[in-house]
């Protein structure tokens, strides 16, 4: 099996301060994807191509540890054929 998968995200995020240190983050957009594969079964090749665009949303919080450093967490849902949920935890640095 050989192939390639490509995806791009196009969206917008809004950051709203709830307190001087706590920030709500909301976002939404579209995921554009393409999936090309060549499968060989018993010496016979089969090519598959699929592509599409699907919406996603994002919700998160950020806590400012220092003026330029924050701990952030997000939950995302991608509305693909089978919905996909993703959780992200990290550190953000502003410069």
N, C-alpha and C. Protein backbone atom coordinates (compact mmCIF):
# COMPACT_ATOMS: atom_id res chain seq x y z
N UNK A 1 0.86 -1.18 0.00
CA UNK A 1 0.00 0.00 0.00
C UNK A 1 0.90 1.23 0.00
N UNK A 2 0.64 2.15 -0.92
CA UNK A 2 1.34 3.43 -0.98
C UNK A 2 0.31 4.52 -1.13
N UNK A 3 0.66 5.71 -0.63
CA UNK A 3 -0.30 6.80 -0.80
C UNK A 3 0.13 8.04 -0.08
N UNK A 4 -0.76 9.00 -0.11
CA UNK A 4 -0.50 10.26 0.57
C UNK A 4 -1.80 10.82 1.13
N UNK A 5 -1.69 11.47 2.25
CA UNK A 5 -2.81 12.16 2.88
C UNK A 5 -2.40 13.60 3.10
N UNK A 6 -3.28 14.53 2.78
CA UNK A 6 -3.01 15.95 2.96
C UNK A 6 -4.23 16.60 3.57
N UNK A 7 -4.01 17.51 4.52
CA UNK A 7 -5.14 18.26 5.07
C UNK A 7 -4.69 19.68 5.41
N UNK A 8 -5.62 20.61 5.32
CA UNK A 8 -5.40 22.01 5.63
C UNK A 8 -6.55 22.50 6.49
N UNK A 9 -6.26 23.36 7.45
CA UNK A 9 -7.30 23.96 8.29
C UNK A 9 -7.40 25.44 7.97
N UNK A 10 -8.61 25.92 7.79
CA UNK A 10 -8.90 27.33 7.57
C UNK A 10 -9.94 27.74 8.60
N UNK A 11 -9.60 28.67 9.47
CA UNK A 11 -10.56 29.03 10.51
C UNK A 11 -10.22 30.34 11.17
N UNK A 12 -11.01 30.66 12.18
CA UNK A 12 -10.82 31.88 12.95
C UNK A 12 -10.96 31.54 14.43
N UNK A 13 -10.18 32.24 15.25
CA UNK A 13 -10.23 32.07 16.70
C UNK A 13 -10.52 33.41 17.35
N UNK A 14 -11.27 33.37 18.44
CA UNK A 14 -11.56 34.56 19.22
C UNK A 14 -11.10 34.32 20.64
N UNK A 15 -10.35 35.25 21.21
CA UNK A 15 -9.84 35.16 22.57
C UNK A 15 -10.55 36.23 23.40
N UNK A 16 -11.23 35.80 24.47
CA UNK A 16 -11.99 36.72 25.31
C UNK A 16 -11.50 36.62 26.75
N UNK A 17 -10.99 37.72 27.33
CA UNK A 17 -10.54 37.66 28.73
C UNK A 17 -11.73 37.54 29.68
N UNK A 18 -11.68 36.55 30.57
CA UNK A 18 -12.70 36.39 31.60
C UNK A 18 -12.27 37.07 32.90
N UNK A 19 -10.98 36.99 33.19
CA UNK A 19 -10.36 37.69 34.31
C UNK A 19 -9.01 38.19 33.79
N UNK A 20 -8.26 38.93 34.59
CA UNK A 20 -6.95 39.35 34.09
C UNK A 20 -6.01 38.20 33.71
N UNK A 21 -6.21 37.01 34.28
CA UNK A 21 -5.32 35.88 33.98
C UNK A 21 -5.99 34.76 33.18
N UNK A 22 -7.32 34.70 33.18
CA UNK A 22 -8.04 33.60 32.53
C UNK A 22 -8.67 34.08 31.22
N UNK A 23 -8.48 33.30 30.15
CA UNK A 23 -8.95 33.68 28.83
C UNK A 23 -9.74 32.53 28.20
N UNK A 24 -10.91 32.85 27.66
CA UNK A 24 -11.72 31.89 26.90
C UNK A 24 -11.32 31.97 25.44
N UNK A 25 -11.17 30.82 24.79
CA UNK A 25 -10.79 30.79 23.38
C UNK A 25 -11.83 29.96 22.62
N UNK A 26 -12.41 30.56 21.59
CA UNK A 26 -13.45 29.91 20.78
C UNK A 26 -13.03 30.02 19.32
N UNK A 27 -13.22 28.95 18.56
CA UNK A 27 -12.86 28.99 17.15
C UNK A 27 -13.71 28.05 16.32
N UNK A 28 -13.70 28.27 15.02
CA UNK A 28 -14.43 27.41 14.09
C UNK A 28 -13.80 27.58 12.71
N UNK A 29 -14.04 26.60 11.86
CA UNK A 29 -13.51 26.70 10.51
C UNK A 29 -13.82 25.46 9.69
N UNK A 30 -13.04 25.29 8.65
CA UNK A 30 -13.20 24.16 7.74
C UNK A 30 -11.88 23.40 7.63
N UNK A 31 -12.00 22.09 7.57
CA UNK A 31 -10.85 21.21 7.32
C UNK A 31 -10.98 20.70 5.89
N UNK A 32 -10.00 21.01 5.06
CA UNK A 32 -9.97 20.52 3.67
C UNK A 32 -8.98 19.37 3.62
N UNK A 33 -9.36 18.23 3.04
CA UNK A 33 -8.50 17.06 3.05
C UNK A 33 -8.54 16.32 1.72
N UNK A 34 -7.46 15.58 1.48
CA UNK A 34 -7.35 14.75 0.28
C UNK A 34 -6.61 13.47 0.66
N UNK A 35 -7.04 12.37 0.10
CA UNK A 35 -6.53 11.05 0.45
C UNK A 35 -6.34 10.26 -0.85
N UNK A 36 -5.09 10.00 -1.25
CA UNK A 36 -4.78 9.25 -2.48
C UNK A 36 -3.99 8.00 -2.10
N UNK A 37 -4.45 6.85 -2.56
CA UNK A 37 -3.76 5.60 -2.25
C UNK A 37 -3.75 4.65 -3.44
N UNK A 38 -2.70 3.87 -3.53
CA UNK A 38 -2.63 2.77 -4.50
C UNK A 38 -2.49 1.49 -3.68
N UNK A 39 -3.41 0.58 -3.89
CA UNK A 39 -3.43 -0.69 -3.18
C UNK A 39 -3.20 -1.81 -4.20
N UNK A 40 -2.30 -2.75 -3.88
CA UNK A 40 -2.04 -3.88 -4.75
C UNK A 40 -2.54 -5.15 -4.07
N UNK A 41 -3.45 -5.84 -4.76
CA UNK A 41 -4.00 -7.11 -4.25
C UNK A 41 -3.78 -8.16 -5.32
N UNK A 42 -3.03 -9.22 -4.98
CA UNK A 42 -2.73 -10.31 -5.92
C UNK A 42 -2.17 -9.77 -7.24
N UNK A 43 -1.28 -8.78 -7.15
CA UNK A 43 -0.63 -8.24 -8.34
C UNK A 43 -1.46 -7.24 -9.12
N UNK A 44 -2.68 -6.96 -8.68
CA UNK A 44 -3.53 -6.01 -9.39
C UNK A 44 -3.60 -4.70 -8.59
N UNK A 45 -3.39 -3.56 -9.28
CA UNK A 45 -3.38 -2.25 -8.63
C UNK A 45 -4.76 -1.62 -8.63
N UNK A 46 -5.07 -1.00 -7.51
CA UNK A 46 -6.32 -0.25 -7.36
C UNK A 46 -5.96 1.13 -6.83
N UNK A 47 -6.40 2.18 -7.53
CA UNK A 47 -6.17 3.55 -7.09
C UNK A 47 -7.43 4.11 -6.48
N UNK A 48 -7.27 4.78 -5.32
CA UNK A 48 -8.41 5.42 -4.67
C UNK A 48 -8.08 6.89 -4.45
N UNK A 49 -9.06 7.74 -4.65
CA UNK A 49 -8.92 9.17 -4.39
C UNK A 49 -10.19 9.65 -3.69
N UNK A 50 -10.00 10.30 -2.58
CA UNK A 50 -11.11 10.89 -1.83
C UNK A 50 -10.69 12.29 -1.41
N UNK A 51 -11.62 13.21 -1.40
CA UNK A 51 -11.33 14.56 -0.94
C UNK A 51 -12.61 15.19 -0.44
N UNK A 52 -12.47 16.22 0.36
CA UNK A 52 -13.65 16.90 0.86
C UNK A 52 -13.30 18.04 1.81
N UNK A 53 -14.33 18.71 2.30
CA UNK A 53 -14.19 19.74 3.32
C UNK A 53 -15.23 19.47 4.39
N UNK A 54 -14.84 19.66 5.62
CA UNK A 54 -15.73 19.41 6.75
C UNK A 54 -15.51 20.49 7.81
N UNK A 55 -16.59 20.88 8.52
CA UNK A 55 -16.45 21.91 9.55
C UNK A 55 -15.81 21.36 10.82
N UNK A 56 -15.25 22.28 11.61
CA UNK A 56 -14.77 21.93 12.94
C UNK A 56 -15.02 23.10 13.87
N UNK A 57 -15.04 22.83 15.19
CA UNK A 57 -15.10 23.89 16.18
C UNK A 57 -14.05 23.63 17.24
N UNK A 58 -13.73 24.68 18.00
CA UNK A 58 -12.68 24.60 19.00
C UNK A 58 -13.09 25.43 20.21
N UNK A 59 -12.86 24.90 21.41
CA UNK A 59 -13.17 25.60 22.65
C UNK A 59 -12.00 25.38 23.60
N UNK A 60 -11.54 26.45 24.25
CA UNK A 60 -10.40 26.30 25.14
C UNK A 60 -10.30 27.38 26.18
N UNK A 61 -9.35 27.17 27.09
CA UNK A 61 -9.04 28.12 28.14
C UNK A 61 -7.54 28.34 28.19
N UNK A 62 -7.15 29.54 28.58
CA UNK A 62 -5.75 29.85 28.79
C UNK A 62 -5.58 30.52 30.14
N UNK A 63 -4.55 30.12 30.88
CA UNK A 63 -4.27 30.70 32.20
C UNK A 63 -2.89 31.33 32.15
N UNK A 64 -2.82 32.65 32.34
CA UNK A 64 -1.55 33.38 32.28
C UNK A 64 -0.74 33.11 33.55
N UNK A 65 0.38 32.44 33.38
CA UNK A 65 1.29 32.18 34.49
C UNK A 65 2.15 33.42 34.73
N UNK A 66 2.57 34.04 33.65
CA UNK A 66 3.33 35.30 33.64
C UNK A 66 2.72 36.14 32.52
N UNK A 67 3.07 37.41 32.41
CA UNK A 67 2.47 38.24 31.36
C UNK A 67 2.64 37.68 29.94
N UNK A 68 3.71 36.95 29.66
CA UNK A 68 3.93 36.43 28.31
C UNK A 68 3.90 34.91 28.21
N UNK A 69 3.53 34.20 29.30
CA UNK A 69 3.48 32.73 29.29
C UNK A 69 2.13 32.27 29.83
N UNK A 70 1.47 31.36 29.11
CA UNK A 70 0.18 30.85 29.55
C UNK A 70 0.12 29.33 29.36
N UNK A 71 -0.60 28.67 30.24
CA UNK A 71 -0.92 27.26 30.08
C UNK A 71 -2.27 27.23 29.37
N UNK A 72 -2.37 26.45 28.29
CA UNK A 72 -3.58 26.44 27.48
C UNK A 72 -4.11 25.01 27.30
N UNK A 73 -5.40 24.91 27.13
CA UNK A 73 -6.04 23.63 26.84
C UNK A 73 -7.19 23.85 25.88
N UNK A 74 -7.33 22.95 24.91
CA UNK A 74 -8.39 23.07 23.90
C UNK A 74 -9.06 21.71 23.69
N UNK A 75 -10.32 21.77 23.32
CA UNK A 75 -11.06 20.60 22.85
C UNK A 75 -11.55 20.96 21.45
N UNK A 76 -11.36 20.07 20.51
CA UNK A 76 -11.80 20.30 19.13
C UNK A 76 -12.67 19.14 18.67
N UNK A 77 -13.63 19.43 17.81
CA UNK A 77 -14.43 18.39 17.17
C UNK A 77 -14.43 18.65 15.68
N UNK A 78 -14.06 17.62 14.92
CA UNK A 78 -14.08 17.64 13.46
C UNK A 78 -15.26 16.81 13.00
N UNK A 79 -16.11 17.38 12.17
CA UNK A 79 -17.33 16.70 11.72
C UNK A 79 -17.05 15.96 10.41
N UNK A 80 -16.22 14.92 10.49
CA UNK A 80 -15.91 14.07 9.35
C UNK A 80 -17.01 13.02 9.23
N UNK A 81 -16.84 12.03 8.36
CA UNK A 81 -17.82 10.95 8.24
C UNK A 81 -18.07 10.34 9.61
N UNK A 82 -17.01 10.08 10.33
CA UNK A 82 -17.08 9.70 11.74
C UNK A 82 -16.52 10.88 12.52
N UNK A 83 -17.27 11.52 13.42
CA UNK A 83 -16.74 12.67 14.15
C UNK A 83 -15.44 12.32 14.89
N UNK A 84 -14.51 13.26 14.88
CA UNK A 84 -13.21 13.08 15.53
C UNK A 84 -13.07 14.17 16.58
N UNK A 85 -12.77 13.76 17.82
CA UNK A 85 -12.51 14.70 18.91
C UNK A 85 -11.02 14.73 19.20
N UNK A 86 -10.52 15.91 19.54
CA UNK A 86 -9.10 16.06 19.83
C UNK A 86 -8.95 16.95 21.05
N UNK A 87 -8.05 16.56 21.96
CA UNK A 87 -7.75 17.35 23.15
C UNK A 87 -6.30 17.78 23.07
N UNK A 88 -6.04 19.05 23.40
CA UNK A 88 -4.70 19.60 23.31
C UNK A 88 -4.37 20.35 24.60
N UNK A 89 -3.22 20.07 25.18
CA UNK A 89 -2.71 20.80 26.34
C UNK A 89 -1.34 21.33 25.97
N UNK A 90 -1.03 22.56 26.38
CA UNK A 90 0.26 23.10 26.02
C UNK A 90 0.60 24.38 26.75
N UNK A 91 1.68 24.97 26.31
CA UNK A 91 2.17 26.24 26.85
C UNK A 91 2.28 27.22 25.69
N UNK A 92 1.77 28.42 25.89
CA UNK A 92 1.84 29.47 24.87
C UNK A 92 2.79 30.55 25.36
N UNK A 93 3.62 31.04 24.45
CA UNK A 93 4.57 32.11 24.75
C UNK A 93 4.32 33.27 23.80
N UNK A 94 4.13 34.46 24.34
CA UNK A 94 3.93 35.66 23.52
C UNK A 94 5.21 36.47 23.48
N UNK A 95 5.60 36.89 22.28
CA UNK A 95 6.77 37.75 22.17
C UNK A 95 6.51 38.88 21.25
